[in-house]
N, C-alpha and C. Protein backbone atom coordinates (compact mmCIF):
# COMPACT_ATOMS: atom_id res chain seq x y z
N MET A 1 10.22 -18.07 -6.70
CA MET A 1 11.46 -17.33 -6.40
C MET A 1 12.57 -17.92 -7.29
N ASN A 2 13.47 -17.01 -7.52
CA ASN A 2 14.69 -17.36 -8.26
C ASN A 2 15.47 -18.44 -7.52
N ASP A 3 15.92 -19.48 -8.21
CA ASP A 3 16.71 -20.57 -7.52
C ASP A 3 18.06 -20.02 -7.09
N ASN A 4 18.52 -18.91 -7.57
CA ASN A 4 19.83 -18.35 -7.24
C ASN A 4 19.81 -17.57 -5.94
N PHE A 5 18.60 -17.33 -5.38
CA PHE A 5 18.52 -16.64 -4.10
C PHE A 5 19.15 -17.41 -3.01
N SER A 6 19.84 -16.76 -2.09
CA SER A 6 20.39 -17.41 -0.93
C SER A 6 19.25 -17.59 0.05
N LEU A 7 19.51 -18.43 1.06
CA LEU A 7 18.53 -18.75 2.09
C LEU A 7 18.10 -17.39 2.78
N GLU A 8 19.06 -16.51 2.99
CA GLU A 8 18.76 -15.23 3.65
C GLU A 8 17.85 -14.38 2.77
N GLU A 9 18.17 -14.37 1.49
CA GLU A 9 17.32 -13.60 0.53
C GLU A 9 15.89 -14.13 0.50
N LYS A 10 15.76 -15.45 0.48
CA LYS A 10 14.44 -16.08 0.47
C LYS A 10 13.68 -15.77 1.69
N SER A 11 14.38 -15.84 2.84
CA SER A 11 13.76 -15.54 4.16
C SER A 11 13.31 -14.12 4.18
N ASN A 12 14.13 -13.23 3.70
CA ASN A 12 13.79 -11.82 3.68
C ASN A 12 12.60 -11.50 2.79
N GLN A 13 12.53 -12.15 1.58
CA GLN A 13 11.47 -12.00 0.69
C GLN A 13 10.13 -12.47 1.35
N GLU A 14 10.17 -13.63 1.95
CA GLU A 14 8.96 -14.15 2.61
C GLU A 14 8.52 -13.27 3.79
N LEU A 15 9.46 -12.70 4.54
CA LEU A 15 9.10 -11.79 5.58
C LEU A 15 8.36 -10.56 5.06
N TRP A 16 8.88 -9.95 4.00
CA TRP A 16 8.29 -8.76 3.43
C TRP A 16 6.97 -9.08 2.71
N ASP A 17 6.86 -10.25 2.08
CA ASP A 17 5.59 -10.67 1.51
C ASP A 17 4.49 -10.73 2.54
N ASN A 18 4.83 -11.33 3.69
CA ASN A 18 3.81 -11.43 4.80
C ASN A 18 3.51 -10.08 5.37
N ARG A 19 4.53 -9.23 5.60
CA ARG A 19 4.26 -7.91 6.15
C ARG A 19 3.36 -7.08 5.29
N ILE A 20 3.64 -7.05 4.03
CA ILE A 20 2.89 -6.28 3.08
C ILE A 20 1.45 -6.73 2.98
N SER A 21 1.24 -8.02 2.93
CA SER A 21 -0.10 -8.61 2.88
C SER A 21 -0.93 -8.18 4.07
N ASN A 22 -0.35 -8.34 5.26
CA ASN A 22 -1.07 -8.01 6.49
C ASN A 22 -1.29 -6.45 6.62
N HIS A 23 -0.28 -5.70 6.20
CA HIS A 23 -0.35 -4.24 6.30
C HIS A 23 -1.46 -3.71 5.38
N MET A 24 -1.55 -4.25 4.15
CA MET A 24 -2.57 -3.79 3.22
C MET A 24 -3.97 -4.15 3.70
N LYS A 25 -4.08 -5.28 4.33
CA LYS A 25 -5.43 -5.68 4.85
C LYS A 25 -5.93 -4.79 5.94
N SER A 26 -4.96 -4.38 6.82
CA SER A 26 -5.35 -3.69 8.06
C SER A 26 -5.43 -2.17 7.91
N TRP A 27 -4.77 -1.56 6.98
CA TRP A 27 -4.68 -0.11 6.99
C TRP A 27 -5.31 0.55 5.80
N TYR A 28 -5.07 0.16 4.61
CA TYR A 28 -5.37 0.89 3.40
C TYR A 28 -6.77 0.75 2.85
N ASP A 29 -7.50 -0.28 3.24
CA ASP A 29 -8.83 -0.50 2.69
C ASP A 29 -8.80 -0.47 1.19
N ILE A 30 -7.95 -1.34 0.59
CA ILE A 30 -7.69 -1.38 -0.80
C ILE A 30 -8.95 -1.53 -1.69
N ASN A 31 -9.85 -2.40 -1.27
CA ASN A 31 -11.07 -2.54 -2.04
C ASN A 31 -11.87 -1.28 -2.15
N ASN A 32 -12.00 -0.51 -1.06
CA ASN A 32 -12.70 0.75 -1.06
C ASN A 32 -11.98 1.77 -1.95
N PHE A 33 -10.63 1.79 -1.89
CA PHE A 33 -9.84 2.67 -2.73
C PHE A 33 -10.02 2.40 -4.21
N LYS A 34 -10.07 1.11 -4.57
CA LYS A 34 -10.25 0.73 -5.96
C LYS A 34 -11.62 1.12 -6.49
N LYS A 35 -12.59 1.33 -5.60
CA LYS A 35 -13.94 1.74 -5.97
C LYS A 35 -14.05 3.27 -5.96
N GLY A 36 -12.90 3.96 -5.68
CA GLY A 36 -12.91 5.44 -5.69
C GLY A 36 -13.02 6.10 -4.33
N GLY A 37 -13.04 5.23 -3.29
CA GLY A 37 -13.05 5.71 -1.90
C GLY A 37 -11.72 6.26 -1.43
N SER A 38 -11.70 6.67 -0.20
CA SER A 38 -10.49 7.20 0.38
C SER A 38 -10.26 6.67 1.78
N SER A 39 -9.01 6.50 2.15
CA SER A 39 -8.64 6.11 3.52
C SER A 39 -8.23 7.27 4.39
N LEU A 40 -8.25 8.42 3.77
CA LEU A 40 -7.87 9.62 4.48
C LEU A 40 -8.96 10.08 5.47
N ASP A 41 -8.53 10.66 6.58
CA ASP A 41 -9.53 11.19 7.51
C ASP A 41 -9.75 12.68 7.20
N GLU A 42 -10.70 13.31 7.87
CA GLU A 42 -11.09 14.67 7.54
C GLU A 42 -9.92 15.65 7.68
N ILE A 43 -9.09 15.48 8.69
CA ILE A 43 -7.94 16.42 8.85
C ILE A 43 -6.97 16.30 7.66
N GLN A 44 -6.69 15.06 7.23
CA GLN A 44 -5.78 14.88 6.07
C GLN A 44 -6.40 15.45 4.82
N ILE A 45 -7.68 15.23 4.60
CA ILE A 45 -8.33 15.80 3.41
C ILE A 45 -8.26 17.29 3.38
N ASN A 46 -8.55 17.93 4.50
CA ASN A 46 -8.46 19.37 4.63
C ASN A 46 -7.05 19.88 4.44
N GLU A 47 -6.05 19.20 4.95
CA GLU A 47 -4.64 19.62 4.73
C GLU A 47 -4.17 19.56 3.30
N VAL A 48 -4.58 18.42 2.63
CA VAL A 48 -4.15 18.19 1.23
C VAL A 48 -4.92 19.11 0.29
N GLY A 49 -6.16 19.37 0.52
CA GLY A 49 -6.92 20.24 -0.35
C GLY A 49 -7.43 19.44 -1.57
N ASN A 50 -7.97 20.19 -2.51
CA ASN A 50 -8.61 19.59 -3.72
C ASN A 50 -7.54 19.10 -4.63
N VAL A 51 -7.55 17.87 -5.01
CA VAL A 51 -6.57 17.31 -5.91
C VAL A 51 -7.25 16.84 -7.23
N ASN A 52 -8.42 17.21 -7.47
CA ASN A 52 -9.12 16.84 -8.76
C ASN A 52 -8.29 17.30 -9.93
N GLY A 53 -8.07 16.44 -10.89
CA GLY A 53 -7.31 16.70 -12.08
C GLY A 53 -5.81 16.71 -11.94
N LYS A 54 -5.36 16.41 -10.77
CA LYS A 54 -3.88 16.31 -10.50
C LYS A 54 -3.39 14.89 -10.49
N HIS A 55 -2.18 14.69 -10.84
CA HIS A 55 -1.55 13.38 -10.78
C HIS A 55 -0.88 13.16 -9.43
N LEU A 56 -1.31 12.19 -8.66
CA LEU A 56 -0.76 11.97 -7.35
C LEU A 56 0.22 10.82 -7.35
N LEU A 57 0.06 9.90 -8.29
CA LEU A 57 0.95 8.75 -8.41
C LEU A 57 1.50 8.71 -9.80
N SER A 58 2.72 8.20 -9.87
CA SER A 58 3.34 8.13 -11.21
C SER A 58 3.96 6.77 -11.38
């Protein structure tokens, strides 16, 4: 971390680092996603429809 951060900023950064780490482990199944899998359920897939060839992230 930058030495110029205040104690509050450092505490806030640590809080979010921990939250993101835990959140990614429990919800998104990142390893499966990286292999081409999906974390969407059937209802979500049906609502979104076919996205082949479309850009979803930028």
